[in-house]
Structures are given as C-alpha cells and as structure tokens.
Amino acid sequence: MGEIQAKVSGGIVTALERRKRLGSLPFSEKLKILEKLRERDRQIAASGLRKKKVHRTVEQPREGRDSSD
C-alpha cells in the first residue's frame, strides 16, 4: 500500500507523520489552525474561485401524468 506524501520545506512528510504531529498538538493550537483554515475558506468563497455545487434531484412524476409514458 502506497503512502501519501506532501512536500514541505526541508523534506517530505507522509500523511501518517502529519496526522501524528497534529494529534500531538495541544487543543488550543488545533483551534488556531482551525481558525486559519476557516479564514482561508472565507477568502476563497469571497473571491469566487470556488466552484458552485450542482444539486441534482430526481424528477418526480407530476400529478395527472402516468409514469408509464
């Protein structure tokens, strides 16, 4: 099974190593990271760079119409 790797300054960090590092952080540090991610999300949303989601629905038969048409 292959490992997911991300390049960072000074080397390569696997997803497992990153998960362990984030898991070992104090809760207050995790909240700081979360707030940074939320702010980045707001900036992306405001810039219009995010693709709009397409919601598809199943067409319901209309009243008075036979579904066997």
PDB file of N, CA and C in Angstrom:
ATOM      1  N   MET A   1       0.833  -1.177   0.000  1.00  0.00           N
ATOM      2  CA  MET A   1       0.000   0.000   0.000  1.00  0.00           C
ATOM      3  C   MET A   1       0.876   1.237   0.000  1.00  0.00           C
ATOM      4  N   GLY A   2       0.595   2.171  -0.915  1.00  0.00           N
ATOM      5  CA  GLY A   2       1.419   3.364  -1.028  1.00  0.00           C
ATOM      6  C   GLY A   2       1.085   4.395   0.027  1.00  0.00           C
ATOM      7  N   GLU A   3       2.031   5.244   0.303  1.00  0.00           N
ATOM      8  CA  GLU A   3       1.816   6.310   1.280  1.00  0.00           C
ATOM      9  C   GLU A   3       1.609   7.624   0.551  1.00  0.00           C
ATOM     10  N   ILE A   4       0.725   8.434   1.092  1.00  0.00           N
ATOM     11  CA  ILE A   4       0.518   9.766   0.548  1.00  0.00           C
ATOM     12  C   ILE A   4       1.597  10.658   1.138  1.00  0.00           C
ATOM     13  N   GLN A   5       2.273  11.410   0.265  1.00  0.00           N
ATOM     14  CA  GLN A   5       3.337  12.268   0.752  1.00  0.00           C
ATOM     15  C   GLN A   5       3.100  13.697   0.297  1.00  0.00           C
ATOM     16  N   ALA A   6       3.522  14.635   1.097  1.00  0.00           N
ATOM     17  CA  ALA A   6       3.429  16.050   0.759  1.00  0.00           C
ATOM     18  C   ALA A   6       4.807  16.667   0.906  1.00  0.00           C
ATOM     19  N   LYS A   7       5.175  17.492  -0.069  1.00  0.00           N
ATOM     20  CA  LYS A   7       6.462  18.165   0.015  1.00  0.00           C
ATOM     21  C   LYS A   7       6.319  19.379   0.924  1.00  0.00           C
ATOM     22  N   VAL A   8       7.247  19.518   1.826  1.00  0.00           N
ATOM     23  CA  VAL A   8       7.311  20.692   2.702  1.00  0.00           C
ATOM     24  C   VAL A   8       8.745  21.170   2.715  1.00  0.00           C
ATOM     25  N   SER A   9       8.952  22.385   3.181  1.00  0.00           N
ATOM     26  CA  SER A   9      10.316  22.901   3.213  1.00  0.00           C
ATOM     27  C   SER A   9      11.190  21.993   4.063  1.00  0.00           C
ATOM     28  N   GLY A  10      12.258  21.534   3.490  1.00  0.00           N
ATOM     29  CA  GLY A  10      13.192  20.692   4.225  1.00  0.00           C
ATOM     30  C   GLY A  10      12.953  19.203   4.059  1.00  0.00           C
ATOM     31  N   GLY A  11      11.981  18.773   3.279  1.00  0.00           N
ATOM     32  CA  GLY A  11      11.806  17.344   3.090  1.00  0.00           C
ATOM     33  C   GLY A  11      10.388  16.938   2.727  1.00  0.00           C
ATOM     34  N   ILE A  12      10.132  15.660   2.897  1.00  0.00           N
ATOM     35  CA  ILE A  12       8.831  15.091   2.577  1.00  0.00           C
ATOM     36  C   ILE A  12       8.208  14.541   3.851  1.00  0.00           C
ATOM     37  N   VAL A  13       6.920  14.831   4.038  1.00  0.00           N
ATOM     38  CA  VAL A  13       6.206  14.367   5.218  1.00  0.00           C
ATOM     39  C   VAL A  13       5.067  13.471   4.744  1.00  0.00           C
ATOM     40  N   THR A  14       4.961  12.285   5.307  1.00  0.00           N
ATOM     41  CA  THR A  14       3.866  11.399   4.943  1.00  0.00           C
ATOM     42  C   THR A  14       2.602  11.844   5.672  1.00  0.00           C
ATOM     43  N   ALA A  15       1.476  11.404   5.160  1.00  0.00           N
ATOM     44  CA  ALA A  15       0.199  11.747   5.782  1.00  0.00           C
ATOM     45  C   ALA A  15       0.143  11.226   7.214  1.00  0.00           C
ATOM     46  N   LEU A  16       0.692  10.072   7.448  1.00  0.00           N
ATOM     47  CA  LEU A  16       0.689   9.494   8.794  1.00  0.00           C
ATOM     48  C   LEU A  16       1.516  10.343   9.763  1.00  0.00           C
ATOM     49  N   GLU A  17       2.679  10.803   9.311  1.00  0.00           N
ATOM     50  CA  GLU A  17       3.509  11.650  10.166  1.00  0.00           C
ATOM     51  C   GLU A  17       2.806  12.965  10.478  1.00  0.00           C
ATOM     52  N   ARG A  18       2.161  13.546   9.455  1.00  0.00           N
ATOM     53  CA  ARG A  18       1.440  14.805   9.656  1.00  0.00           C
ATOM     54  C   ARG A  18       0.284  14.594  10.634  1.00  0.00           C
ATOM     55  N   ARG A  19      -0.412  13.471  10.507  1.00  0.00           N
ATOM     56  CA  ARG A  19      -1.533  13.177  11.407  1.00  0.00           C
ATOM     57  C   ARG A  19      -1.045  13.018  12.846  1.00  0.00           C
ATOM     58  N   LYS A  20       0.079  12.340  13.023  1.00  0.00           N
ATOM     59  CA  LYS A  20       0.645  12.165  14.368  1.00  0.00           C
ATOM     60  C   LYS A  20       1.050  13.507  14.967  1.00  0.00           C
ATOM     61  N   ARG A  21       1.675  14.351  14.141  1.00  0.00           N
ATOM     62  CA  ARG A  21       2.119  15.660  14.623  1.00  0.00           C
ATOM     63  C   ARG A  21       0.926  16.513  15.032  1.00  0.00           C
ATOM     64  N   LEU A  22      -0.115  16.550  14.195  1.00  0.00           N
ATOM     65  CA  LEU A  22      -1.295  17.342  14.528  1.00  0.00           C
ATOM     66  C   LEU A  22      -2.014  16.777  15.747  1.00  0.00           C
ATOM     67  N   GLY A  23      -2.026  15.458  15.878  1.00  0.00           N
ATOM     68  CA  GLY A  23      -2.671  14.829  17.016  1.00  0.00           C
ATOM     69  C   GLY A  23      -1.968  15.122  18.327  1.00  0.00           C
ATOM     70  N   SER A  24      -0.679  15.372  18.273  1.00  0.00           N
ATOM     71  CA  SER A  24       0.081  15.627  19.498  1.00  0.00           C
ATOM     72  C   SER A  24       0.009  17.088  19.954  1.00  0.00           C
ATOM     73  N   LEU A  25      -0.557  17.961  19.128  1.00  0.00           N
ATOM     74  CA  LEU A  25      -0.648  19.378  19.491  1.00  0.00           C
ATOM     75  C   LEU A  25      -1.674  19.599  20.595  1.00  0.00           C
ATOM     76  N   PRO A  26      -1.455  20.613  21.413  1.00  0.00           N
ATOM     77  CA  PRO A  26      -2.456  20.970  22.417  1.00  0.00           C
ATOM     78  C   PRO A  26      -3.736  21.461  21.717  1.00  0.00           C
ATOM     79  N   PHE A  27      -4.854  21.329  22.416  1.00  0.00           N
ATOM     80  CA  PHE A  27      -6.139  21.695  21.842  1.00  0.00           C
ATOM     81  C   PHE A  27      -6.158  23.150  21.378  1.00  0.00           C
ATOM     82  N   SER A  28      -5.539  24.035  22.141  1.00  0.00           N
ATOM     83  CA  SER A  28      -5.532  25.463  21.788  1.00  0.00           C
ATOM     84  C   SER A  28      -4.827  25.692  20.445  1.00  0.00           C
ATOM     85  N   GLU A  29      -3.782  24.936  20.166  1.00  0.00           N
ATOM     86  CA  GLU A  29      -3.076  25.055  18.890  1.00  0.00           C
ATOM     87  C   GLU A  29      -3.943  24.540  17.743  1.00  0.00           C
ATOM     88  N   LYS A  30      -4.698  23.481  18.003  1.00  0.00           N
ATOM     89  CA  LYS A  30      -5.606  22.938  16.981  1.00  0.00           C
ATOM     90  C   LYS A  30      -6.677  23.970  16.637  1.00  0.00           C
ATOM     91  N   LEU A  31      -7.160  24.702  17.657  1.00  0.00           N
ATOM     92  CA  LEU A  31      -8.155  25.742  17.412  1.00  0.00           C
ATOM     93  C   LEU A  31      -7.582  26.870  16.558  1.00  0.00           C
ATOM     94  N   LYS A  32      -6.329  27.234  16.790  1.00  0.00           N
ATOM     95  CA  LYS A  32      -5.683  28.269  15.986  1.00  0.00           C
ATOM     96  C   LYS A  32      -5.603  27.834  14.521  1.00  0.00           C
ATOM     97  N   ILE A  33      -5.241  26.581  14.298  1.00  0.00           N
ATOM     98  CA  ILE A  33      -5.169  26.047  12.936  1.00  0.00           C
ATOM     99  C   ILE A  33      -6.551  26.060  12.292  1.00  0.00           C
ATOM    100  N   LEU A  34      -7.562  25.660  13.048  1.00  0.00           N
ATOM    101  CA  LEU A  34      -8.938  25.647  12.552  1.00  0.00           C
ATOM    102  C   LEU A  34      -9.380  27.050  12.147  1.00  0.00           C
ATOM    103  N   GLU A  35      -9.078  28.045  12.959  1.00  0.00           N
ATOM    104  CA  GLU A  35      -9.460  29.422  12.635  1.00  0.00           C
ATOM    105  C   GLU A  35      -8.758  29.907  11.366  1.00  0.00           C
ATOM    106  N   LYS A  36      -7.492  29.536  11.182  1.00  0.00           N
ATOM    107  CA  LYS A  36      -6.779  29.908   9.960  1.00  0.00           C
ATOM    108  C   LYS A  36      -7.430  29.265   8.741  1.00  0.00           C
ATOM    109  N   LEU A  37      -7.822  27.998   8.880  1.00  0.00           N
ATOM    110  CA  LEU A  37      -8.482  27.309   7.771  1.00  0.00           C
ATOM    111  C   LEU A  37      -9.834  27.936   7.454  1.00  0.00           C
ATOM    112  N   ARG A  38     -10.578  28.310   8.486  1.00  0.00           N
ATOM    113  CA  ARG A  38     -11.873  28.962   8.272  1.00  0.00           C
ATOM    114  C   ARG A  38     -11.705  30.298   7.563  1.00  0.00           C
ATOM    115  N   GLU A  39     -10.704  31.071   7.972  1.00  0.00           N
ATOM    116  CA  GLU A  39     -10.451  32.358   7.333  1.00  0.00           C
ATOM    117  C   GLU A  39     -10.068  32.166   5.872  1.00  0.00           C
ATOM    118  N   ARG A  40      -9.248  31.190   5.600  1.00  0.00           N
ATOM    119  CA  ARG A  40      -8.862  30.893   4.212  1.00  0.00           C
ATOM    120  C   ARG A  40     -10.089  30.484   3.398  1.00  0.00           C
ATOM    121  N   ASP A  41     -10.966  29.698   4.015  1.00  0.00           N
ATOM    122  CA  ASP A  41     -12.190  29.277   3.340  1.00  0.00           C
ATOM    123  C   ASP A  41     -13.055  30.492   2.996  1.00  0.00           C
ATOM    124  N   ARG A  42     -13.176  31.438   3.939  1.00  0.00           N
ATOM    125  CA  ARG A  42     -13.955  32.654   3.686  1.00  0.00           C
ATOM    126  C   ARG A  42     -13.356  33.469   2.549  1.00  0.00           C
ATOM    127  N   GLN A  43     -12.024  33.560   2.511  1.00  0.00           N
ATOM    128  CA  GLN A  43     -11.362  34.325   1.460  1.00  0.00           C
ATOM    129  C   GLN A  43     -11.591  33.685   0.092  1.00  0.00           C
ATOM    130  N   ILE A  44     -11.499  32.379   0.028  1.00  0.00           N
ATOM    131  CA  ILE A  44     -11.728  31.677  -1.236  1.00  0.00           C
ATOM    132  C   ILE A  44     -13.172  31.867  -1.685  1.00  0.00           C
ATOM    133  N   ALA A  45     -14.109  31.748  -0.745  1.00  0.00           N
ATOM    134  CA  ALA A  45     -15.528  31.918  -1.071  1.00  0.00           C
ATOM    135  C   ALA A  45     -15.798  33.333  -1.577  1.00  0.00           C
ATOM    136  N   ALA A  46     -15.187  34.331  -0.950  1.00  0.00           N
ATOM    137  CA  ALA A  46     -15.401  35.718  -1.343  1.00  0.00           C
ATOM    138  C   ALA A  46     -14.775  36.036  -2.695  1.00  0.00           C
ATOM    139  N   SER A  47     -13.716  35.333  -3.055  1.00  0.00           N
ATOM    140  CA  SER A  47     -13.022  35.613  -4.315  1.00  0.00           C
ATOM    141  C   SER A  47     -13.729  35.024  -5.526  1.00  0.00           C
ATOM    142  N   GLY A  48     -14.662  34.106  -5.283  1.00  0.00           N
ATOM    143  CA  GLY A  48     -15.364  33.479  -6.396  1.00  0.00           C
ATOM    144  C   GLY A  48     -14.589  32.349  -7.046  1.00  0.00           C
ATOM    145  N   LEU A  49     -13.508  31.923  -6.447  1.00  0.00           N
ATOM    146  CA  LEU A  49     -12.697  30.859  -7.029  1.00  0.00           C
ATOM    147  C   LEU A  49     -13.296  29.479  -6.815  1.00  0.00           C
ATOM    148  N   ARG A  50     -14.154  29.363  -5.823  1.00  0.00           N
ATOM    149  CA  ARG A  50     -14.758  28.070  -5.524  1.00  0.00           C
ATOM    150  C   ARG A  50     -15.832  27.763  -6.554  1.00  0.00           C
ATOM    151  N   LYS A  51     -15.822  26.520  -7.033  1.00  0.00           N
ATOM    152  CA  LYS A  51     -16.845  26.094  -7.983  1.00  0.00           C
ATOM    153  C   LYS A  51     -18.152  25.901  -7.245  1.00  0.00           C
ATOM    154  N   LYS A  52     -19.240  26.289  -7.893  1.00  0.00           N
ATOM    155  CA  LYS A  52     -20.548  26.114  -7.281  1.00  0.00           C
ATOM    156  C   LYS A  52     -20.966  24.659  -7.410  1.00  0.00           C
ATOM    157  N   LYS A  53     -21.560  24.140  -6.342  1.00  0.00           N
ATOM    158  CA  LYS A  53     -22.032  22.766  -6.354  1.00  0.00           C
ATOM    159  C   LYS A  53     -23.327  22.689  -7.132  1.00  0.00           C
ATOM    160  N   VAL A  54     -23.463  21.626  -7.902  1.00  0.00           N
ATOM    161  CA  VAL A  54     -24.692  21.389  -8.640  1.00  0.00           C
ATOM    162  C   VAL A  54     -25.485  20.352  -7.877  1.00  0.00           C
ATOM    163  N   HIS A  55     -26.686  20.728  -7.484  1.00  0.00           N
ATOM    164  CA  HIS A  55     -27.555  19.797  -6.769  1.00  0.00           C
ATOM    165  C   HIS A  55     -28.505  19.172  -7.773  1.00  0.00           C
ATOM    166  N   ARG A  56     -28.423  17.883  -7.890  1.00  0.00           N
ATOM    167  CA  ARG A  56     -29.300  17.178  -8.808  1.00  0.00           C
ATOM    168  C   ARG A  56     -30.394  16.498  -8.017  1.00  0.00           C
ATOM    169  N   THR A  57     -31.585  16.577  -8.543  1.00  0.00           N
ATOM    170  CA  THR A  57     -32.708  15.938  -7.887  1.00  0.00           C
ATOM    171  C   THR A  57     -33.343  14.948  -8.837  1.00  0.00           C
ATOM    172  N   VAL A  58     -34.000  13.996  -8.284  1.00  0.00           N
ATOM    173  CA  VAL A  58     -34.722  13.026  -9.092  1.00  0.00           C
ATOM    174  C   VAL A  58     -36.054  13.651  -9.442  1.00  0.00           C
ATOM    175  N   GLU A  59     -36.358  13.649 -10.729  1.00  0.00           N
ATOM    176  CA  GLU A  59     -37.611  14.252 -11.168  1.00  0.00           C
ATOM    177  C   GLU A  59     -38.777  13.400 -10.704  1.00  0.00           C
ATOM    178  N   GLN A  60     -39.707  14.048 -10.048  1.00  0.00           N
ATOM    179  CA  GLN A  60     -40.897  13.369  -9.554  1.00  0.00           C
ATOM    180  C   GLN A  60     -41.985  13.462 -10.614  1.00  0.00           C
ATOM    181  N   PRO A  61     -42.779  12.393 -10.783  1.00  0.00           N
ATOM    182  CA  PRO A  61     -43.886  12.461 -11.752  1.00  0.00           C
ATOM    183  C   PRO A  61     -44.885  13.513 -11.310  1.00  0.00           C
ATOM    184  N   ARG A  62     -45.399  14.277 -12.272  1.00  0.00           N
ATOM    185  CA  ARG A  62     -46.379  15.314 -11.970  1.00  0.00           C
ATOM    186  C   ARG A  62     -47.749  14.695 -11.803  1.00  0.00           C
ATOM    187  N   GLU A  63     -48.582  15.404 -11.062  1.00  0.00           N
ATOM    188  CA  GLU A  63     -49.941  14.908 -10.838  1.00  0.00           C
ATOM    189  C   GLU A  63     -50.665  14.785 -12.177  1.00  0.00           C
ATOM    190  N   GLY A  64     -51.456  13.711 -12.313  1.00  0.00           N
ATOM    191  CA  GLY A  64     -52.227  13.508 -13.526  1.00  0.00           C
ATOM    192  C   GLY A  64     -51.452  12.865 -14.656  1.00  0.00           C
ATOM    193  N   ARG A  65     -50.145  12.638 -14.467  1.00  0.00           N
ATOM    194  CA  ARG A  65     -49.342  12.013 -15.515  1.00  0.00           C
ATOM    195  C   ARG A  65     -49.052  10.591 -15.123  1.00  0.00           C
ATOM    196  N   ASP A  66     -49.150   9.732 -16.083  1.00  0.00           N
ATOM    197  CA  ASP A  66     -48.861   8.319 -15.863  1.00  0.00           C
ATOM    198  C   ASP A  66     -47.373   8.126 -16.054  1.00  0.00           C
ATOM    199  N   SER A  67     -46.691   7.465 -15.121  1.00  0.00           N
ATOM    200  CA  SER A  67     -45.246   7.279 -15.197  1.00  0.00           C
ATOM    201  C   SER A  67     -44.856   6.259 -16.263  1.00  0.00           C
ATOM    202  N   SER A  68     -45.822   5.610 -16.893  1.00  0.00           N
ATOM    203  CA  SER A  68     -45.508   4.604 -17.909  1.00  0.00           C
ATOM    204  C   SER A  68     -45.396   5.186 -19.304  1.00  0.00           C
ATOM    205  N   ASP A  69     -45.473   6.537 -19.465  1.00  0.00           N
ATOM    206  CA  ASP A  69     -45.390   7.186 -20.794  1.00  0.00           C
ATOM    207  C   ASP A  69     -44.126   6.815 -21.489  1.00  0.00           C
TER     208      ASP A  69
END
